[in-house]
C-alpha atoms as a PDB file:
ATOM      1  CA  MET A   1      80.499  96.107 106.596  1.00  0.00           C
ATOM      2  CA  ASN A   2      81.846  93.844 104.643  1.00  0.00           C
ATOM      3  CA  ASP A   3      81.753  95.062 100.385  1.00  0.00           C
ATOM      4  CA  GLN A   4      84.780  98.365 102.287  1.00  0.00           C
ATOM      5  CA  ILE A   5      86.491  95.517 104.263  1.00  0.00           C
ATOM      6  CA  ASP A   6      86.586  94.031 100.255  1.00  0.00           C
ATOM      7  CA  ARG A   7      87.587  97.216  98.645  1.00  0.00           C
ATOM      8  CA  ASP A   8      90.174  97.770 101.440  1.00  0.00           C
ATOM      9  CA  LYS A   9      91.797  94.528 101.200  1.00  0.00           C
ATOM     10  CA  LYS A  10      91.966  94.742  97.247  1.00  0.00           C
ATOM     11  CA  LEU A  11      92.706  98.061  97.395  1.00  0.00           C
ATOM     12  CA  ARG A  12      96.265  97.181 100.237  1.00  0.00           C
ATOM     13  CA  GLU A  13      96.478  94.108  97.818  1.00  0.00           C
ATOM     14  CA  ALA A  14      96.484  96.666  94.369  1.00  0.00           C
ATOM     15  CA  GLU A  15      99.314  98.562  96.155  1.00  0.00           C
ATOM     16  CA  LEU A  16     101.395  96.138  97.511  1.00  0.00           C
ATOM     17  CA  ALA A  17     102.481  94.308  94.717  1.00  0.00           C
ATOM     18  CA  ASN A  18     102.279  98.707  92.899  1.00  0.00           C
ATOM     19  CA  ALA A  19     104.876  98.721  94.666  1.00  0.00           C
ATOM     20  CA  ASP A  20     106.789  95.831  94.197  1.00  0.00           C
ATOM     21  CA  GLU A  21     107.087  96.564  90.591  1.00  0.00           C
ATOM     22  CA  ALA A  22     108.250  99.483  91.353  1.00  0.00           C
ATOM     23  CA  VAL A  23     110.740  98.201  92.972  1.00  0.00           C
ATOM     24  CA  GLU A  24     111.360  95.548  91.006  1.00  0.00           C
ATOM     25  CA  GLU A  25     111.463  99.032  87.738  1.00  0.00           C
ATOM     26  CA  LEU A  26     114.154 100.377  90.289  1.00  0.00           C
ATOM     27  CA  GLY A  27     116.222  96.982  90.128  1.00  0.00           C
ATOM     28  CA  ARG A  28     115.730  96.890  86.236  1.00  0.00           C
ATOM     29  CA  GLN A  29     116.459 100.252  85.373  1.00  0.00           C
ATOM     30  CA  GLY A  30     117.359 102.158  87.967  1.00  0.00           C
ATOM     31  CA  PHE A  31     114.540 104.214  87.763  1.00  0.00           C
ATOM     32  CA  THR A  32     110.443 104.091  88.001  1.00  0.00           C
ATOM     33  CA  HIS A  33     107.722 105.431  85.982  1.00  0.00           C
ATOM     34  CA  ARG A  34     104.844 104.162  88.382  1.00  0.00           C
ATOM     35  CA  ARG A  35     102.204 106.217  89.955  1.00  0.00           C
ATOM     36  CA  CYS A  36     100.059 106.402  93.255  1.00  0.00           C
ATOM     37  CA  LEU A  37      97.144 105.388  93.576  1.00  0.00           C
ATOM     38  CA  ARG A  38      95.353 107.426  95.606  1.00  0.00           C
ATOM     39  CA  CYS A  39      96.494 110.309  94.485  1.00  0.00           C
ATOM     40  CA  ASP A  40      98.523 109.182  90.884  1.00  0.00           C
ATOM     41  CA  GLY A  41     101.459 111.142  92.243  1.00  0.00           C
ATOM     42  CA  ARG A  42     104.668 109.862  91.704  1.00  0.00           C
ATOM     43  CA  LEU A  43     106.114 106.949  93.394  1.00  0.00           C
ATOM     44  CA  GLY A  44     109.430 107.596  94.311  1.00  0.00           C
ATOM     45  CA  VAL A  45     111.936 104.304  96.079  1.00  0.00           C
ATOM     46  CA  ASP A  46     115.286 104.658  98.122  1.00  0.00           C
ATOM     47  CA  ASP A  47     117.462 101.730  98.666  1.00  0.00           C
ATOM     48  CA  ARG A  48     118.292 101.159 101.909  1.00  0.00           C
ATOM     49  CA  GLY A  49     120.697  98.475 101.506  1.00  0.00           C
ATOM     50  CA  CYS A  50     118.724  96.481 103.347  1.00  0.00           C
ATOM     51  CA  GLY A  51     115.707  96.940 102.369  1.00  0.00           C
ATOM     52  CA  TYR A  52     113.656  99.958 100.076  1.00  0.00           C
ATOM     53  CA  THR A  53     110.656 102.153 101.791  1.00  0.00           C
ATOM     54  CA  VAL A  54     108.360 102.885  98.828  1.00  0.00           C
ATOM     55  CA  TYR A  55     106.654 106.535  99.538  1.00  0.00           C
ATOM     56  CA  CYS A  56     104.566 109.294  97.162  1.00  0.00           C
ATOM     57  CA  GLU A  57     106.474 111.832  96.052  1.00  0.00           C
ATOM     58  CA  THR A  58     103.263 114.581  95.397  1.00  0.00           C
ATOM     59  CA  GLN A  59     101.492 113.893  98.779  1.00  0.00           C
ATOM     60  CA  ASN A  60     103.072 111.645 101.322  1.00  0.00           C
ATOM     61  CA  CYS A  61      99.856 109.489 100.825  1.00  0.00           C
ATOM     62  CA  LEU A  62     101.105 106.141 100.808  1.00  0.00           C
ATOM     63  CA  ARG A  63     104.569 105.062 102.727  1.00  0.00           C
ATOM     64  CA  LEU A  64     105.436 101.106 103.040  1.00  0.00           C
ATOM     65  CA  THR A  65     108.584  99.919 103.570  1.00  0.00           C
ATOM     66  CA  PHE A  66     110.120  96.346 102.133  1.00  0.00           C
ATOM     67  CA  ARG A  67     112.929  94.664 104.567  1.00  0.00           C
ATOM     68  CA  GLY A  68     115.279  91.909 103.713  1.00  0.00           C
ATOM     69  CA  ILE A  69     116.012  88.598 105.901  1.00  0.00           C
END
């Protein structure tokens, strides 16, 4: 049971780091080449003004929202 929790936690941390890199690439280059770690689909980034939404364009298996203060 603890092994599964550890794997889920590591996957979640990797997904957050990957999404953070996608937002940084968007800011630097205006686009991102990051892939979804769940299905290997493309990640999309929507700039919502006060935050960002990072999502999987292929299968909708990932949607993360980052908000500013």
